ModelCIF file with pLDDT and N, C-alpha, C, O atoms, coordinates in Angstrom:
data_MODEL
#
_entry.id   MODEL 
#
_entity.id                         1 
_entity.type                       polymer 
_entity.pdbx_number_of_molecules   1 
#
_entity_poly.entity_id                      1 
_entity_poly.type                           'polypeptide(L)' 
_entity_poly.nstd_linkage                   no 
_entity_poly.nstd_monomer                   no 
_entity_poly.pdbx_seq_one_letter_code       PDPAEYEEIVEKHGDIIARWSAAPEIEGALAFGQHMRDHHILPAI 
_entity_poly.pdbx_seq_one_letter_code_can   PDPAEYEEIVEKHGDIIARWSAAPEIEGALAFGQHMRDHHILPAI 
_entity_poly.pdbx_strand_id                 A 
#
loop_
_entity_poly_seq.entity_id 
_entity_poly_seq.num 
_entity_poly_seq.mon_id 
_entity_poly_seq.hetero 
1 1  PRO n 
1 2  ASP n 
1 3  PRO n 
1 4  ALA n 
1 5  GLU n 
1 6  TYR n 
1 7  GLU n 
1 8  GLU n 
1 9  ILE n 
1 10 VAL n 
1 11 GLU n 
1 12 LYS n 
1 13 HIS n 
1 14 GLY n 
1 15 ASP n 
1 16 ILE n 
1 17 ILE n 
1 18 ALA n 
1 19 ARG n 
1 20 TRP n 
1 21 SER n 
1 22 ALA n 
1 23 ALA n 
1 24 PRO n 
1 25 GLU n 
1 26 ILE n 
1 27 GLU n 
1 28 GLY n 
1 29 ALA n 
1 30 LEU n 
1 31 ALA n 
1 32 PHE n 
1 33 GLY n 
1 34 GLN n 
1 35 HIS n 
1 36 MET n 
1 37 ARG n 
1 38 ASP n 
1 39 HIS n 
1 40 HIS n 
1 41 ILE n 
1 42 LEU n 
1 43 PRO n 
1 44 ALA n 
1 45 ILE n 
#
_struct_asym.id          A 
_struct_asym.entity_id   1 
#
loop_
_ma_qa_metric.id 
_ma_qa_metric.mode 
_ma_qa_metric.name 
_ma_qa_metric.software_group_id 
_ma_qa_metric.type 
1 global pLDDT . pLDDT 
2 local  pLDDT . pLDDT 
#
_ma_qa_metric_global.metric_id      1 
_ma_qa_metric_global.metric_value   97.89 
_ma_qa_metric_global.model_id       1 
_ma_qa_metric_global.ordinal_id     1 
#
loop_
_ma_qa_metric_local.label_asym_id 
_ma_qa_metric_local.label_comp_id 
_ma_qa_metric_local.label_seq_id 
_ma_qa_metric_local.metric_id 
_ma_qa_metric_local.metric_value 
_ma_qa_metric_local.model_id 
_ma_qa_metric_local.ordinal_id 
A PRO 1  2 98.00 1 1  
A ASP 2  2 96.00 1 2  
A PRO 3  2 98.00 1 3  
A ALA 4  2 97.00 1 4  
A GLU 5  2 98.00 1 5  
A TYR 6  2 98.00 1 6  
A GLU 7  2 98.00 1 7  
A GLU 8  2 98.00 1 8  
A ILE 9  2 98.00 1 9  
A VAL 10 2 98.00 1 10 
A GLU 11 2 98.00 1 11 
A LYS 12 2 98.00 1 12 
A HIS 13 2 98.00 1 13 
A GLY 14 2 98.00 1 14 
A ASP 15 2 98.00 1 15 
A ILE 16 2 98.00 1 16 
A ILE 17 2 98.00 1 17 
A ALA 18 2 98.00 1 18 
A ARG 19 2 98.00 1 19 
A TRP 20 2 98.00 1 20 
A SER 21 2 98.00 1 21 
A ALA 22 2 98.00 1 22 
A ALA 23 2 98.00 1 23 
A PRO 24 2 98.00 1 24 
A GLU 25 2 98.00 1 25 
A ILE 26 2 97.00 1 26 
A GLU 27 2 97.00 1 27 
A GLY 28 2 98.00 1 28 
A ALA 29 2 98.00 1 29 
A LEU 30 2 98.00 1 30 
A ALA 31 2 98.00 1 31 
A PHE 32 2 98.00 1 32 
A GLY 33 2 98.00 1 33 
A GLN 34 2 98.00 1 34 
A HIS 35 2 98.00 1 35 
A MET 36 2 98.00 1 36 
A ARG 37 2 98.00 1 37 
A ASP 38 2 98.00 1 38 
A HIS 39 2 98.00 1 39 
A HIS 40 2 98.00 1 40 
A ILE 41 2 98.00 1 41 
A LEU 42 2 98.00 1 42 
A PRO 43 2 98.00 1 43 
A ALA 44 2 98.00 1 44 
A ILE 45 2 98.00 1 45 
#
loop_
_atom_site.group_PDB 
_atom_site.id 
_atom_site.type_symbol 
_atom_site.label_atom_id 
_atom_site.label_alt_id 
_atom_site.label_comp_id 
_atom_site.label_asym_id 
_atom_site.label_entity_id 
_atom_site.label_seq_id 
_atom_site.pdbx_PDB_ins_code 
_atom_site.Cartn_x 
_atom_site.Cartn_y 
_atom_site.Cartn_z 
_atom_site.occupancy 
_atom_site.B_iso_or_equiv 
_atom_site.pdbx_formal_charge 
_atom_site.auth_seq_id 
_atom_site.auth_comp_id 
_atom_site.auth_asym_id 
_atom_site.auth_atom_id 
_atom_site.pdbx_PDB_model_num 
ATOM 1   N N  . PRO A 1 1  ? 0.847   -1.170  -0.049 1.00 98.00 ? 1  PRO A N  1 
ATOM 2   C CA . PRO A 1 1  ? -0.009  -0.058  0.072  1.00 98.00 ? 1  PRO A CA 1 
ATOM 3   C C  . PRO A 1 1  ? 0.886   1.331   0.136  1.00 98.00 ? 1  PRO A C  1 
ATOM 4   O O  . PRO A 1 1  ? 1.780   1.555   0.952  1.00 98.00 ? 1  PRO A O  1 
ATOM 5   N N  . ASP A 1 2  ? 0.455   2.168   -0.870 1.00 96.00 ? 2  ASP A N  1 
ATOM 6   C CA . ASP A 1 2  ? 1.346   3.341   -1.020 1.00 96.00 ? 2  ASP A CA 1 
ATOM 7   C C  . ASP A 1 2  ? 0.341   4.606   -0.694 1.00 96.00 ? 2  ASP A C  1 
ATOM 8   O O  . ASP A 1 2  ? -0.445  4.975   -1.567 1.00 96.00 ? 2  ASP A O  1 
ATOM 9   N N  . PRO A 1 3  ? 0.383   5.177   0.427  1.00 98.00 ? 3  PRO A N  1 
ATOM 10  C CA . PRO A 1 3  ? -0.403  6.310   0.821  1.00 98.00 ? 3  PRO A CA 1 
ATOM 11  C C  . PRO A 1 3  ? -0.641  7.396   -0.355 1.00 98.00 ? 3  PRO A C  1 
ATOM 12  O O  . PRO A 1 3  ? -1.761  7.853   -0.587 1.00 98.00 ? 3  PRO A O  1 
ATOM 13  N N  . ALA A 1 4  ? 0.391   7.723   -0.994 1.00 97.00 ? 4  ALA A N  1 
ATOM 14  C CA . ALA A 1 4  ? 0.245   8.619   -2.124 1.00 97.00 ? 4  ALA A CA 1 
ATOM 15  C C  . ALA A 1 4  ? -0.640  8.095   -3.073 1.00 97.00 ? 4  ALA A C  1 
ATOM 16  O O  . ALA A 1 4  ? -1.589  8.788   -3.440 1.00 97.00 ? 4  ALA A O  1 
ATOM 17  N N  . GLU A 1 5  ? -0.443  6.824   -3.581 1.00 98.00 ? 5  GLU A N  1 
ATOM 18  C CA . GLU A 1 5  ? -1.326  6.322   -4.487 1.00 98.00 ? 5  GLU A CA 1 
ATOM 19  C C  . GLU A 1 5  ? -2.824  6.259   -4.055 1.00 98.00 ? 5  GLU A C  1 
ATOM 20  O O  . GLU A 1 5  ? -3.716  6.820   -4.692 1.00 98.00 ? 5  GLU A O  1 
ATOM 21  N N  . TYR A 1 6  ? -3.033  5.507   -2.887 1.00 98.00 ? 6  TYR A N  1 
ATOM 22  C CA . TYR A 1 6  ? -4.585  5.217   -2.621 1.00 98.00 ? 6  TYR A CA 1 
ATOM 23  C C  . TYR A 1 6  ? -5.244  6.621   -2.219 1.00 98.00 ? 6  TYR A C  1 
ATOM 24  O O  . TYR A 1 6  ? -6.417  6.881   -2.488 1.00 98.00 ? 6  TYR A O  1 
ATOM 25  N N  . GLU A 1 7  ? -4.390  7.500   -1.555 1.00 98.00 ? 7  GLU A N  1 
ATOM 26  C CA . GLU A 1 7  ? -5.044  8.608   -1.109 1.00 98.00 ? 7  GLU A CA 1 
ATOM 27  C C  . GLU A 1 7  ? -5.538  9.518   -2.450 1.00 98.00 ? 7  GLU A C  1 
ATOM 28  O O  . GLU A 1 7  ? -6.614  10.111  -2.527 1.00 98.00 ? 7  GLU A O  1 
ATOM 29  N N  . GLU A 1 8  ? -4.517  9.482   -3.450 1.00 98.00 ? 8  GLU A N  1 
ATOM 30  C CA . GLU A 1 8  ? -4.987  10.210  -4.738 1.00 98.00 ? 8  GLU A CA 1 
ATOM 31  C C  . GLU A 1 8  ? -6.297  9.648   -5.327 1.00 98.00 ? 8  GLU A C  1 
ATOM 32  O O  . GLU A 1 8  ? -7.296  10.308  -5.611 1.00 98.00 ? 8  GLU A O  1 
ATOM 33  N N  . ILE A 1 9  ? -6.130  8.352   -5.460 1.00 98.00 ? 9  ILE A N  1 
ATOM 34  C CA . ILE A 1 9  ? -7.447  7.571   -5.987 1.00 98.00 ? 9  ILE A CA 1 
ATOM 35  C C  . ILE A 1 9  ? -8.699  7.995   -5.209 1.00 98.00 ? 9  ILE A C  1 
ATOM 36  O O  . ILE A 1 9  ? -9.727  8.378   -5.767 1.00 98.00 ? 9  ILE A O  1 
ATOM 37  N N  . VAL A 1 10 ? -8.543  7.900   -3.893 1.00 98.00 ? 10 VAL A N  1 
ATOM 38  C CA . VAL A 1 10 ? -9.809  8.198   -3.036 1.00 98.00 ? 10 VAL A CA 1 
ATOM 39  C C  . VAL A 1 10 ? -10.291 9.667   -3.143 1.00 98.00 ? 10 VAL A C  1 
ATOM 40  O O  . VAL A 1 10 ? -11.478 9.987   -3.197 1.00 98.00 ? 10 VAL A O  1 
ATOM 41  N N  . GLU A 1 11 ? -9.178  10.579  -3.171 1.00 98.00 ? 11 GLU A N  1 
ATOM 42  C CA . GLU A 1 11 ? -9.548  12.019  -3.406 1.00 98.00 ? 11 GLU A CA 1 
ATOM 43  C C  . GLU A 1 11 ? -10.361 12.149  -4.741 1.00 98.00 ? 11 GLU A C  1 
ATOM 44  O O  . GLU A 1 11 ? -11.397 12.814  -4.772 1.00 98.00 ? 11 GLU A O  1 
ATOM 45  N N  . LYS A 1 12 ? -9.879  11.513  -5.818 1.00 98.00 ? 12 LYS A N  1 
ATOM 46  C CA . LYS A 1 12 ? -10.673 11.798  -7.103 1.00 98.00 ? 12 LYS A CA 1 
ATOM 47  C C  . LYS A 1 12 ? -11.810 10.960  -7.314 1.00 98.00 ? 12 LYS A C  1 
ATOM 48  O O  . LYS A 1 12 ? -12.705 11.336  -8.071 1.00 98.00 ? 12 LYS A O  1 
ATOM 49  N N  . HIS A 1 13 ? -11.879 9.622   -6.590 1.00 98.00 ? 13 HIS A N  1 
ATOM 50  C CA . HIS A 1 13 ? -13.180 8.822   -6.974 1.00 98.00 ? 13 HIS A CA 1 
ATOM 51  C C  . HIS A 1 13 ? -13.676 8.244   -5.638 1.00 98.00 ? 13 HIS A C  1 
ATOM 52  O O  . HIS A 1 13 ? -14.289 7.178   -5.688 1.00 98.00 ? 13 HIS A O  1 
ATOM 53  N N  . GLY A 1 14 ? -13.470 8.850   -4.426 1.00 98.00 ? 14 GLY A N  1 
ATOM 54  C CA . GLY A 1 14 ? -13.863 8.112   -3.275 1.00 98.00 ? 14 GLY A CA 1 
ATOM 55  C C  . GLY A 1 14 ? -15.423 8.077   -3.363 1.00 98.00 ? 14 GLY A C  1 
ATOM 56  O O  . GLY A 1 14 ? -15.969 7.102   -2.847 1.00 98.00 ? 14 GLY A O  1 
ATOM 57  N N  . ASP A 1 15 ? -16.092 8.893   -3.872 1.00 98.00 ? 15 ASP A N  1 
ATOM 58  C CA . ASP A 1 15 ? -17.565 8.983   -3.923 1.00 98.00 ? 15 ASP A CA 1 
ATOM 59  C C  . ASP A 1 15 ? -18.158 7.853   -4.724 1.00 98.00 ? 15 ASP A C  1 
ATOM 60  O O  . ASP A 1 15 ? -19.355 7.587   -4.610 1.00 98.00 ? 15 ASP A O  1 
ATOM 61  N N  . ILE A 1 16 ? -17.259 7.091   -5.635 1.00 98.00 ? 16 ILE A N  1 
ATOM 62  C CA . ILE A 1 16 ? -17.848 5.906   -6.447 1.00 98.00 ? 16 ILE A CA 1 
ATOM 63  C C  . ILE A 1 16 ? -17.307 4.639   -5.879 1.00 98.00 ? 16 ILE A C  1 
ATOM 64  O O  . ILE A 1 16 ? -17.864 3.561   -6.085 1.00 98.00 ? 16 ILE A O  1 
ATOM 65  N N  . ILE A 1 17 ? -16.249 4.759   -5.179 1.00 98.00 ? 17 ILE A N  1 
ATOM 66  C CA . ILE A 1 17 ? -15.568 3.497   -4.568 1.00 98.00 ? 17 ILE A CA 1 
ATOM 67  C C  . ILE A 1 17 ? -16.441 3.053   -3.447 1.00 98.00 ? 17 ILE A C  1 
ATOM 68  O O  . ILE A 1 17 ? -16.539 3.753   -2.439 1.00 98.00 ? 17 ILE A O  1 
ATOM 69  N N  . ALA A 1 18 ? -17.148 1.808   -3.583 1.00 98.00 ? 18 ALA A N  1 
ATOM 70  C CA . ALA A 1 18 ? -17.848 1.017   -2.519 1.00 98.00 ? 18 ALA A CA 1 
ATOM 71  C C  . ALA A 1 18 ? -17.065 0.259   -1.607 1.00 98.00 ? 18 ALA A C  1 
ATOM 72  O O  . ALA A 1 18 ? -17.293 0.190   -0.399 1.00 98.00 ? 18 ALA A O  1 
ATOM 73  N N  . ARG A 1 19 ? -15.976 -0.406  -2.312 1.00 98.00 ? 19 ARG A N  1 
ATOM 74  C CA . ARG A 1 19 ? -15.084 -1.356  -1.445 1.00 98.00 ? 19 ARG A CA 1 
ATOM 75  C C  . ARG A 1 19 ? -13.783 -1.409  -1.921 1.00 98.00 ? 19 ARG A C  1 
ATOM 76  O O  . ARG A 1 19 ? -13.565 -0.898  -3.019 1.00 98.00 ? 19 ARG A O  1 
ATOM 77  N N  . TRP A 1 20 ? -12.838 -1.951  -1.281 1.00 98.00 ? 20 TRP A N  1 
ATOM 78  C CA . TRP A 1 20 ? -11.339 -2.008  -1.728 1.00 98.00 ? 20 TRP A CA 1 
ATOM 79  C C  . TRP A 1 20 ? -10.753 -3.136  -0.974 1.00 98.00 ? 20 TRP A C  1 
ATOM 80  O O  . TRP A 1 20 ? -10.601 -3.068  0.245  1.00 98.00 ? 20 TRP A O  1 
ATOM 81  N N  . SER A 1 21 ? -10.404 -4.220  -1.703 1.00 98.00 ? 21 SER A N  1 
ATOM 82  C CA . SER A 1 21 ? -9.791  -5.409  -1.176 1.00 98.00 ? 21 SER A CA 1 
ATOM 83  C C  . SER A 1 21 ? -8.359  -5.381  -1.146 1.00 98.00 ? 21 SER A C  1 
ATOM 84  O O  . SER A 1 21 ? -7.727  -4.981  -2.123 1.00 98.00 ? 21 SER A O  1 
ATOM 85  N N  . ALA A 1 22 ? -7.718  -5.836  0.060  1.00 98.00 ? 22 ALA A N  1 
ATOM 86  C CA . ALA A 1 22 ? -6.328  -5.907  0.330  1.00 98.00 ? 22 ALA A CA 1 
ATOM 87  C C  . ALA A 1 22 ? -5.782  -6.980  1.346  1.00 98.00 ? 22 ALA A C  1 
ATOM 88  O O  . ALA A 1 22 ? -6.582  -7.529  2.103  1.00 98.00 ? 22 ALA A O  1 
ATOM 89  N N  . ALA A 1 23 ? -4.668  -7.240  1.377  1.00 98.00 ? 23 ALA A N  1 
ATOM 90  C CA . ALA A 1 23 ? -4.125  -8.291  2.429  1.00 98.00 ? 23 ALA A CA 1 
ATOM 91  C C  . ALA A 1 23 ? -3.829  -7.516  3.709  1.00 98.00 ? 23 ALA A C  1 
ATOM 92  O O  . ALA A 1 23 ? -3.170  -6.481  3.611  1.00 98.00 ? 23 ALA A O  1 
ATOM 93  N N  . PRO A 1 24 ? -4.245  -7.913  4.859  1.00 98.00 ? 24 PRO A N  1 
ATOM 94  C CA . PRO A 1 24 ? -4.081  -6.920  5.949  1.00 98.00 ? 24 PRO A CA 1 
ATOM 95  C C  . PRO A 1 24 ? -2.775  -7.201  6.481  1.00 98.00 ? 24 PRO A C  1 
ATOM 96  O O  . PRO A 1 24 ? -2.363  -6.356  7.276  1.00 98.00 ? 24 PRO A O  1 
ATOM 97  N N  . GLU A 1 25 ? -1.944  -8.277  6.215  1.00 98.00 ? 25 GLU A N  1 
ATOM 98  C CA . GLU A 1 25 ? -0.824  -8.458  6.947  1.00 98.00 ? 25 GLU A CA 1 
ATOM 99  C C  . GLU A 1 25 ? 0.418   -7.763  6.350  1.00 98.00 ? 25 GLU A C  1 
ATOM 100 O O  . GLU A 1 25 ? 1.450   -7.723  7.021  1.00 98.00 ? 25 GLU A O  1 
ATOM 101 N N  . ILE A 1 26 ? 0.362   -7.171  5.025  1.00 97.00 ? 26 ILE A N  1 
ATOM 102 C CA . ILE A 1 26 ? 1.379   -6.617  4.550  1.00 97.00 ? 26 ILE A CA 1 
ATOM 103 C C  . ILE A 1 26 ? 1.699   -5.047  5.132  1.00 97.00 ? 26 ILE A C  1 
ATOM 104 O O  . ILE A 1 26 ? 0.805   -4.393  5.669  1.00 97.00 ? 26 ILE A O  1 
ATOM 105 N N  . GLU A 1 27 ? 2.842   -4.612  4.990  1.00 97.00 ? 27 GLU A N  1 
ATOM 106 C CA . GLU A 1 27 ? 3.202   -3.247  5.563  1.00 97.00 ? 27 GLU A CA 1 
ATOM 107 C C  . GLU A 1 27 ? 2.267   -2.242  5.035  1.00 97.00 ? 27 GLU A C  1 
ATOM 108 O O  . GLU A 1 27 ? 1.928   -2.226  3.852  1.00 97.00 ? 27 GLU A O  1 
ATOM 109 N N  . GLY A 1 28 ? 1.827   -1.353  5.972  1.00 98.00 ? 28 GLY A N  1 
ATOM 110 C CA . GLY A 1 28 ? 0.848   -0.271  5.351  1.00 98.00 ? 28 GLY A CA 1 
ATOM 111 C C  . GLY A 1 28 ? -0.430  -0.560  5.421  1.00 98.00 ? 28 GLY A C  1 
ATOM 112 O O  . GLY A 1 28 ? -1.257  0.348   5.512  1.00 98.00 ? 28 GLY A O  1 
ATOM 113 N N  . ALA A 1 29 ? -0.811  -1.931  5.389  1.00 98.00 ? 29 ALA A N  1 
ATOM 114 C CA . ALA A 1 29 ? -2.169  -2.298  5.308  1.00 98.00 ? 29 ALA A CA 1 
ATOM 115 C C  . ALA A 1 29 ? -3.410  -1.861  6.446  1.00 98.00 ? 29 ALA A C  1 
ATOM 116 O O  . ALA A 1 29 ? -4.606  -1.725  6.187  1.00 98.00 ? 29 ALA A O  1 
ATOM 117 N N  . LEU A 1 30 ? -2.839  -1.715  7.571  1.00 98.00 ? 30 LEU A N  1 
ATOM 118 C CA . LEU A 1 30 ? -3.811  -1.181  8.488  1.00 98.00 ? 30 LEU A CA 1 
ATOM 119 C C  . LEU A 1 30 ? -4.248  0.317   8.435  1.00 98.00 ? 30 LEU A C  1 
ATOM 120 O O  . LEU A 1 30 ? -5.346  0.828   8.655  1.00 98.00 ? 30 LEU A O  1 
ATOM 121 N N  . ALA A 1 31 ? -2.975  0.898   8.054  1.00 98.00 ? 31 ALA A N  1 
ATOM 122 C CA . ALA A 1 31 ? -3.319  2.569   7.846  1.00 98.00 ? 31 ALA A CA 1 
ATOM 123 C C  . ALA A 1 31 ? -4.203  2.633   6.544  1.00 98.00 ? 31 ALA A C  1 
ATOM 124 O O  . ALA A 1 31 ? -5.006  3.563   6.471  1.00 98.00 ? 31 ALA A O  1 
ATOM 125 N N  . PHE A 1 32 ? -4.129  1.762   5.548  1.00 98.00 ? 32 PHE A N  1 
ATOM 126 C CA . PHE A 1 32 ? -4.896  1.890   4.368  1.00 98.00 ? 32 PHE A CA 1 
ATOM 127 C C  . PHE A 1 32 ? -6.305  1.518   4.837  1.00 98.00 ? 32 PHE A C  1 
ATOM 128 O O  . PHE A 1 32 ? -7.276  2.136   4.403  1.00 98.00 ? 32 PHE A O  1 
ATOM 129 N N  . GLY A 1 33 ? -6.423  0.593   5.650  1.00 98.00 ? 33 GLY A N  1 
ATOM 130 C CA . GLY A 1 33 ? -7.911  0.240   6.184  1.00 98.00 ? 33 GLY A CA 1 
ATOM 131 C C  . GLY A 1 33 ? -8.597  1.476   6.855  1.00 98.00 ? 33 GLY A C  1 
ATOM 132 O O  . GLY A 1 33 ? -9.762  1.826   6.667  1.00 98.00 ? 33 GLY A O  1 
ATOM 133 N N  . GLN A 1 34 ? -7.746  2.033   7.607  1.00 98.00 ? 34 GLN A N  1 
ATOM 134 C CA . GLN A 1 34 ? -8.258  3.147   8.429  1.00 98.00 ? 34 GLN A CA 1 
ATOM 135 C C  . GLN A 1 34 ? -8.728  4.207   7.439  1.00 98.00 ? 34 GLN A C  1 
ATOM 136 O O  . GLN A 1 34 ? -9.843  4.705   7.594  1.00 98.00 ? 34 GLN A O  1 
ATOM 137 N N  . HIS A 1 35 ? -7.993  4.557   6.498  1.00 98.00 ? 35 HIS A N  1 
ATOM 138 C CA . HIS A 1 35 ? -8.059  5.542   5.476  1.00 98.00 ? 35 HIS A CA 1 
ATOM 139 C C  . HIS A 1 35 ? -9.427  5.292   4.831  1.00 98.00 ? 35 HIS A C  1 
ATOM 140 O O  . HIS A 1 35 ? -10.196 6.233   4.635  1.00 98.00 ? 35 HIS A O  1 
ATOM 141 N N  . MET A 1 36 ? -9.747  3.992   4.491  1.00 98.00 ? 36 MET A N  1 
ATOM 142 C CA . MET A 1 36 ? -10.907 3.514   3.746  1.00 98.00 ? 36 MET A CA 1 
ATOM 143 C C  . MET A 1 36 ? -12.035 3.826   4.531  1.00 98.00 ? 36 MET A C  1 
ATOM 144 O O  . MET A 1 36 ? -12.939 4.511   4.053  1.00 98.00 ? 36 MET A O  1 
ATOM 145 N N  . ARG A 1 37 ? -12.083 3.356   5.794  1.00 98.00 ? 37 ARG A N  1 
ATOM 146 C CA . ARG A 1 37 ? -13.258 3.611   6.715  1.00 98.00 ? 37 ARG A CA 1 
ATOM 147 C C  . ARG A 1 37 ? -13.295 5.064   6.936  1.00 98.00 ? 37 ARG A C  1 
ATOM 148 O O  . ARG A 1 37 ? -14.425 5.553   6.949  1.00 98.00 ? 37 ARG A O  1 
ATOM 149 N N  . ASP A 1 38 ? -12.365 5.806   7.101  1.00 98.00 ? 38 ASP A N  1 
ATOM 150 C CA . ASP A 1 38 ? -12.481 7.290   7.253  1.00 98.00 ? 38 ASP A CA 1 
ATOM 151 C C  . ASP A 1 38 ? -13.238 7.897   6.033  1.00 98.00 ? 38 ASP A C  1 
ATOM 152 O O  . ASP A 1 38 ? -13.830 8.962   6.206  1.00 98.00 ? 38 ASP A O  1 
ATOM 153 N N  . HIS A 1 39 ? -13.261 7.310   4.846  1.00 98.00 ? 39 HIS A N  1 
ATOM 154 C CA . HIS A 1 39 ? -14.029 7.793   3.745  1.00 98.00 ? 39 HIS A CA 1 
ATOM 155 C C  . HIS A 1 39 ? -15.010 6.960   3.182  1.00 98.00 ? 39 HIS A C  1 
ATOM 156 O O  . HIS A 1 39 ? -15.278 6.943   1.981  1.00 98.00 ? 39 HIS A O  1 
ATOM 157 N N  . HIS A 1 40 ? -15.595 6.207   4.122  1.00 98.00 ? 40 HIS A N  1 
ATOM 158 C CA . HIS A 1 40 ? -16.829 5.278   3.974  1.00 98.00 ? 40 HIS A CA 1 
ATOM 159 C C  . HIS A 1 40 ? -16.583 4.412   2.875  1.00 98.00 ? 40 HIS A C  1 
ATOM 160 O O  . HIS A 1 40 ? -17.461 4.393   2.012  1.00 98.00 ? 40 HIS A O  1 
ATOM 161 N N  . ILE A 1 41 ? -15.656 3.744   2.724  1.00 98.00 ? 41 ILE A N  1 
ATOM 162 C CA . ILE A 1 41 ? -15.329 2.852   1.829  1.00 98.00 ? 41 ILE A CA 1 
ATOM 163 C C  . ILE A 1 41 ? -14.961 1.552   2.558  1.00 98.00 ? 41 ILE A C  1 
ATOM 164 O O  . ILE A 1 41 ? -14.062 1.593   3.397  1.00 98.00 ? 41 ILE A O  1 
ATOM 165 N N  . LEU A 1 42 ? -15.598 0.399   2.293  1.00 98.00 ? 42 LEU A N  1 
ATOM 166 C CA . LEU A 1 42 ? -15.504 -0.899  2.988  1.00 98.00 ? 42 LEU A CA 1 
ATOM 167 C C  . LEU A 1 42 ? -14.178 -1.650  2.601  1.00 98.00 ? 42 LEU A C  1 
ATOM 168 O O  . LEU A 1 42 ? -14.115 -2.136  1.471  1.00 98.00 ? 42 LEU A O  1 
ATOM 169 N N  . PRO A 1 43 ? -13.191 -1.770  3.398  1.00 98.00 ? 43 PRO A N  1 
ATOM 170 C CA . PRO A 1 43 ? -11.955 -2.506  3.260  1.00 98.00 ? 43 PRO A CA 1 
ATOM 171 C C  . PRO A 1 43 ? -12.219 -3.980  3.480  1.00 98.00 ? 43 PRO A C  1 
ATOM 172 O O  . PRO A 1 43 ? -12.817 -4.348  4.491  1.00 98.00 ? 43 PRO A O  1 
ATOM 173 N N  . ALA A 1 44 ? -11.798 -4.822  2.579  1.00 98.00 ? 44 ALA A N  1 
ATOM 174 C CA . ALA A 1 44 ? -12.022 -6.344  2.722  1.00 98.00 ? 44 ALA A CA 1 
ATOM 175 C C  . ALA A 1 44 ? -10.550 -7.001  2.637  1.00 98.00 ? 44 ALA A C  1 
ATOM 176 O O  . ALA A 1 44 ? -9.553  -6.514  2.102  1.00 98.00 ? 44 ALA A O  1 
ATOM 177 N N  . ILE A 1 45 ? -10.682 -8.258  3.318  1.00 98.00 ? 45 ILE A N  1 
ATOM 178 C CA . ILE A 1 45 ? -9.529  -9.285  3.313  1.00 98.00 ? 45 ILE A CA 1 
ATOM 179 C C  . ILE A 1 45 ? -9.592  -9.817  2.116  1.00 98.00 ? 45 ILE A C  1 
ATOM 180 O O  . ILE A 1 45 ? -8.790  -10.690 1.785  1.00 98.00 ? 45 ILE A O  1 
#
């Protein structure tokens, strides 16, 4: 997970992204999950 990448995608299209799937054990995944929830996007394992 690259915060610069997923934050840009969410900033541009967060209103149409309903869910985003990722592996939670990899580096940066928990911060990614928090960012998704903060923007009302469902993070999935």
